[in-house]
Amino acid sequence: MKKRYVPDLVKQMADCEANYLRLMRLMPDIEQRDERGFEIHYHQQQSIVRLQVEERFTYTTTVRVSQSFDQHWLEAPSLIVRLYHDARAAEVICRKSRHQFRGVYHYPNDQMHQKDEKAQLNQYLGEWLSHCLSHGQATESVYSFT
């Protein structure tokens, strides 16, 4: 008998909390700024990672995290991330299609989502943001001294 997938909620929450901290380091002025870009240089290739605020509410902010490449034949990744300021957590809610992810998928399924698709995307977001923190160069000043 096949063992049923059970999400690791502790790990997922830790990933979301770490992603929130990473996003706040990349965009500490998120309440006043609508967009920030970072240039990433890797093996003589360049890409731009862009953080764009799409919605602001009292306790949440929705941000599109996207990347564009020098080569136009590559499809640019894009994730919609919701920041929960009261919980200090950020989770991937969907891709650019605006179709929200479920916490768990039965497998196989018509869309070929993995059982833990949302957890994998949150982990990917963390790696992506960490890469920006380590190797990215802001296209404008990150901190405002006014």
C-alpha atoms as a PDB file:
ATOM      1  CA  MET A   1       0.000   0.000   0.000  1.00  0.00           C
ATOM      2  CA  LYS A   2       1.265   3.459  -0.979  1.00  0.00           C
ATOM      3  CA  LYS A   3       2.108   5.798   1.887  1.00  0.00           C
ATOM      4  CA  ARG A   4       0.055   9.004   1.858  1.00  0.00           C
ATOM      5  CA  TYR A   5       1.997  12.275   1.508  1.00  0.00           C
ATOM      6  CA  VAL A   6       1.867  14.406   4.649  1.00  0.00           C
ATOM      7  CA  PRO A   7       3.259  17.945   4.376  1.00  0.00           C
ATOM      8  CA  ASP A   8       6.000  18.975   6.805  1.00  0.00           C
ATOM      9  CA  LEU A   9       4.296  22.098   8.153  1.00  0.00           C
ATOM     10  CA  VAL A  10       7.186  23.022  10.455  1.00  0.00           C
ATOM     11  CA  LYS A  11       9.662  23.059   7.552  1.00  0.00           C
ATOM     12  CA  GLN A  12       7.223  24.885   5.284  1.00  0.00           C
ATOM     13  CA  MET A  13       6.624  27.577   7.911  1.00  0.00           C
ATOM     14  CA  ALA A  14      10.382  27.920   8.464  1.00  0.00           C
ATOM     15  CA  ASP A  15      10.860  28.371   4.697  1.00  0.00           C
ATOM     16  CA  CYS A  16       8.119  31.030   4.612  1.00  0.00           C
ATOM     17  CA  GLU A  17       9.618  32.886   7.581  1.00  0.00           C
ATOM     18  CA  ALA A  18      13.096  32.809   6.019  1.00  0.00           C
ATOM     19  CA  ASN A  19      11.667  34.035   2.688  1.00  0.00           C
ATOM     20  CA  TYR A  20       9.984  36.936   4.469  1.00  0.00           C
ATOM     21  CA  LEU A  21      13.307  37.974   6.019  1.00  0.00           C
ATOM     22  CA  ARG A  22      15.091  37.657   2.664  1.00  0.00           C
ATOM     23  CA  LEU A  23      12.463  39.782   0.912  1.00  0.00           C
ATOM     24  CA  MET A  24      12.649  42.422   3.637  1.00  0.00           C
ATOM     25  CA  ARG A  25      16.451  42.555   3.271  1.00  0.00           C
ATOM     26  CA  LEU A  26      16.113  42.959  -0.494  1.00  0.00           C
ATOM     27  CA  MET A  27      13.336  45.539  -0.225  1.00  0.00           C
ATOM     28  CA  PRO A  28      13.402  47.092   3.270  1.00  0.00           C
ATOM     29  CA  ASP A  29      11.303  50.046   2.076  1.00  0.00           C
ATOM     30  CA  ILE A  30       8.512  47.834   0.713  1.00  0.00           C
ATOM     31  CA  GLU A  31       5.830  50.060   2.247  1.00  0.00           C
ATOM     32  CA  GLN A  32       6.983  53.057   0.187  1.00  0.00           C
ATOM     33  CA  ARG A  33       8.535  51.469  -2.919  1.00  0.00           C
ATOM     34  CA  ASP A  34       6.678  49.658  -5.679  1.00  0.00           C
ATOM     35  CA  GLU A  35       9.606  48.045  -7.471  1.00  0.00           C
ATOM     36  CA  ARG A  36      13.266  47.092  -7.111  1.00  0.00           C
ATOM     37  CA  GLY A  37      15.609  45.419  -9.584  1.00  0.00           C
ATOM     38  CA  PHE A  38      18.817  43.427  -9.155  1.00  0.00           C
ATOM     39  CA  GLU A  39      21.388  42.598 -11.815  1.00  0.00           C
ATOM     40  CA  ILE A  40      22.816  39.094 -11.597  1.00  0.00           C
ATOM     41  CA  HIS A  41      26.031  38.313 -13.487  1.00  0.00           C
ATOM     42  CA  TYR A  42      26.976  34.668 -13.942  1.00  0.00           C
ATOM     43  CA  HIS A  43      29.545  33.269 -16.389  1.00  0.00           C
ATOM     44  CA  GLN A  44      29.426  36.303 -18.694  1.00  0.00           C
ATOM     45  CA  GLN A  45      25.627  36.253 -18.766  1.00  0.00           C
ATOM     46  CA  GLN A  46      23.339  38.794 -17.185  1.00  0.00           C
ATOM     47  CA  SER A  47      19.805  38.705 -15.894  1.00  0.00           C
ATOM     48  CA  ILE A  48      17.588  41.098 -13.984  1.00  0.00           C
ATOM     49  CA  VAL A  49      15.515  39.974 -10.996  1.00  0.00           C
ATOM     50  CA  ARG A  50      12.620  42.304 -10.358  1.00  0.00           C
ATOM     51  CA  LEU A  51      10.466  42.634  -7.226  1.00  0.00           C
ATOM     52  CA  GLN A  52       7.176  44.417  -8.020  1.00  0.00           C
ATOM     53  CA  VAL A  53       4.491  45.204  -5.461  1.00  0.00           C
ATOM     54  CA  GLU A  54       1.104  44.307  -6.918  1.00  0.00           C
ATOM     55  CA  GLU A  55      -1.177  44.819  -3.884  1.00  0.00           C
ATOM     56  CA  ARG A  56      -0.891  46.370  -0.449  1.00  0.00           C
ATOM     57  CA  PHE A  57      -3.278  45.809   2.406  1.00  0.00           C
ATOM     58  CA  THR A  58      -2.988  46.403   6.142  1.00  0.00           C
ATOM     59  CA  TYR A  59      -1.489  43.005   6.976  1.00  0.00           C
ATOM     60  CA  THR A  60      -0.398  41.673   3.574  1.00  0.00           C
ATOM     61  CA  THR A  61       1.588  42.707   0.522  1.00  0.00           C
ATOM     62  CA  THR A  62       1.585  40.794  -2.764  1.00  0.00           C
ATOM     63  CA  VAL A  63       4.817  40.881  -4.771  1.00  0.00           C
ATOM     64  CA  ARG A  64       5.689  39.538  -8.215  1.00  0.00           C
ATOM     65  CA  VAL A  65       9.221  38.116  -8.286  1.00  0.00           C
ATOM     66  CA  SER A  66      10.389  37.760 -11.877  1.00  0.00           C
ATOM     67  CA  GLN A  67      13.584  37.361 -13.826  1.00  0.00           C
ATOM     68  CA  SER A  68      14.520  38.364 -17.359  1.00  0.00           C
ATOM     69  CA  PHE A  69      17.513  37.070 -19.300  1.00  0.00           C
ATOM     70  CA  ASP A  70      19.777  38.365 -22.050  1.00  0.00           C
ATOM     71  CA  GLN A  71      18.648  35.416 -24.158  1.00  0.00           C
ATOM     72  CA  HIS A  72      15.049  35.961 -25.192  1.00  0.00           C
ATOM     73  CA  TRP A  73      14.460  32.286 -25.965  1.00  0.00           C
ATOM     74  CA  LEU A  74      14.410  31.497 -22.228  1.00  0.00           C
ATOM     75  CA  GLU A  75      11.036  31.816 -20.557  1.00  0.00           C
ATOM     76  CA  ALA A  76      11.449  34.121 -17.591  1.00  0.00           C
ATOM     77  CA  PRO A  77      10.372  32.652 -14.259  1.00  0.00           C
ATOM     78  CA  SER A  78       7.727  34.597 -12.375  1.00  0.00           C
ATOM     79  CA  LEU A  79       6.175  33.882  -8.977  1.00  0.00           C
ATOM     80  CA  ILE A  80       3.464  35.726  -7.061  1.00  0.00           C
ATOM     81  CA  VAL A  81       4.388  35.886  -3.379  1.00  0.00           C
ATOM     82  CA  ARG A  82       2.189  37.014  -0.511  1.00  0.00           C
ATOM     83  CA  LEU A  83       3.873  38.564   2.514  1.00  0.00           C
ATOM     84  CA  TYR A  84       1.970  38.236   5.787  1.00  0.00           C
ATOM     85  CA  HIS A  85       3.416  41.044   7.917  1.00  0.00           C
ATOM     86  CA  ASP A  86       1.732  40.016  11.172  1.00  0.00           C
ATOM     87  CA  ALA A  87       3.084  36.446  10.888  1.00  0.00           C
ATOM     88  CA  ARG A  88       6.374  37.587   9.267  1.00  0.00           C
ATOM     89  CA  ALA A  89       5.990  34.940   6.558  1.00  0.00           C
ATOM     90  CA  ALA A  90       6.056  34.980   2.755  1.00  0.00           C
ATOM     91  CA  GLU A  91       4.659  32.186   0.603  1.00  0.00           C
ATOM     92  CA  VAL A  92       4.345  31.526  -3.101  1.00  0.00           C
ATOM     93  CA  ILE A  93       0.645  31.654  -3.915  1.00  0.00           C
ATOM     94  CA  CYS A  94       0.790  31.193  -7.688  1.00  0.00           C
ATOM     95  CA  ARG A  95       2.778  31.661 -10.863  1.00  0.00           C
ATOM     96  CA  LYS A  96       2.041  34.343 -13.421  1.00  0.00           C
ATOM     97  CA  SER A  97      -1.148  32.484 -14.431  1.00  0.00           C
ATOM     98  CA  ARG A  98      -2.806  33.597 -11.163  1.00  0.00           C
ATOM     99  CA  HIS A  99      -4.074  30.077 -10.490  1.00  0.00           C
ATOM    100  CA  GLN A 100      -3.426  29.545  -6.765  1.00  0.00           C
ATOM    101  CA  PHE A 101      -1.498  26.495  -5.623  1.00  0.00           C
ATOM    102  CA  ARG A 102      -2.954  23.943  -3.250  1.00  0.00           C
ATOM    103  CA  GLY A 103      -0.966  22.733  -0.266  1.00  0.00           C
ATOM    104  CA  VAL A 104      -1.097  19.124  -1.495  1.00  0.00           C
ATOM    105  CA  TYR A 105      -1.883  17.562  -4.885  1.00  0.00           C
ATOM    106  CA  HIS A 106      -2.986  14.020  -5.575  1.00  0.00           C
ATOM    107  CA  TYR A 107      -0.575  12.403  -7.981  1.00  0.00           C
ATOM    108  CA  PRO A 108      -0.888  11.901 -10.874  1.00  0.00           C
ATOM    109  CA  ASN A 109      -3.057  14.873 -11.794  1.00  0.00           C
ATOM    110  CA  ASP A 110      -4.035  16.642 -15.029  1.00  0.00           C
ATOM    111  CA  GLN A 111      -1.624  19.557 -14.493  1.00  0.00           C
ATOM    112  CA  MET A 112       1.230  17.204 -13.508  1.00  0.00           C
ATOM    113  CA  HIS A 113       1.872  19.075 -10.256  1.00  0.00           C
ATOM    114  CA  GLN A 114       4.069  17.292  -7.752  1.00  0.00           C
ATOM    115  CA  LYS A 115       2.446  16.263  -4.470  1.00  0.00           C
ATOM    116  CA  ASP A 116       4.465  18.943  -2.687  1.00  0.00           C
ATOM    117  CA  GLU A 117       4.523  21.525  -5.489  1.00  0.00           C
ATOM    118  CA  LYS A 118       3.882  24.506  -3.207  1.00  0.00           C
ATOM    119  CA  ALA A 119       6.599  23.442  -0.753  1.00  0.00           C
ATOM    120  CA  GLN A 120       9.061  23.019  -3.637  1.00  0.00           C
ATOM    121  CA  LEU A 121       8.232  26.483  -4.991  1.00  0.00           C
ATOM    122  CA  ASN A 122       8.721  28.079  -1.564  1.00  0.00           C
ATOM    123  CA  GLN A 123      12.092  26.357  -1.287  1.00  0.00           C
ATOM    124  CA  TYR A 124      12.977  27.513  -4.831  1.00  0.00           C
ATOM    125  CA  LEU A 125      11.976  31.075  -3.911  1.00  0.00           C
ATOM    126  CA  GLY A 126      14.325  30.906  -0.924  1.00  0.00           C
ATOM    127  CA  GLU A 127      17.220  29.768  -3.102  1.00  0.00           C
ATOM    128  CA  TRP A 128      16.427  32.468  -5.674  1.00  0.00           C
ATOM    129  CA  LEU A 129      16.277  35.241  -3.055  1.00  0.00           C
ATOM    130  CA  SER A 130      19.465  33.973  -1.384  1.00  0.00           C
ATOM    131  CA  HIS A 131      21.193  34.129  -4.767  1.00  0.00           C
ATOM    132  CA  CYS A 132      20.046  37.757  -5.126  1.00  0.00           C
ATOM    133  CA  LEU A 133      21.391  38.585  -1.670  1.00  0.00           C
ATOM    134  CA  SER A 134      24.747  36.911  -2.436  1.00  0.00           C
ATOM    135  CA  HIS A 135      25.312  37.915  -6.055  1.00  0.00           C
ATOM    136  CA  GLY A 136      22.812  40.625  -6.964  1.00  0.00           C
ATOM    137  CA  GLN A 137      23.626  44.266  -7.509  1.00  0.00           C
ATOM    138  CA  ALA A 138      20.721  46.612  -6.950  1.00  0.00           C
ATOM    139  CA  THR A 139      19.986  48.725 -10.021  1.00  0.00           C
ATOM    140  CA  GLU A 140      19.389  51.637  -7.623  1.00  0.00           C
ATOM    141  CA  SER A 141      20.079  52.359  -3.959  1.00  0.00           C
ATOM    142  CA  VAL A 142      18.454  49.812  -1.643  1.00  0.00           C
ATOM    143  CA  TYR A 143      18.478  52.032   1.436  1.00  0.00           C
ATOM    144  CA  SER A 144      17.150  55.560   1.390  1.00  0.00           C
ATOM    145  CA  PHE A 145      18.782  58.015   3.792  1.00  0.00           C
ATOM    146  CA  THR A 146      16.152  60.736   4.047  1.00  0.00           C
END
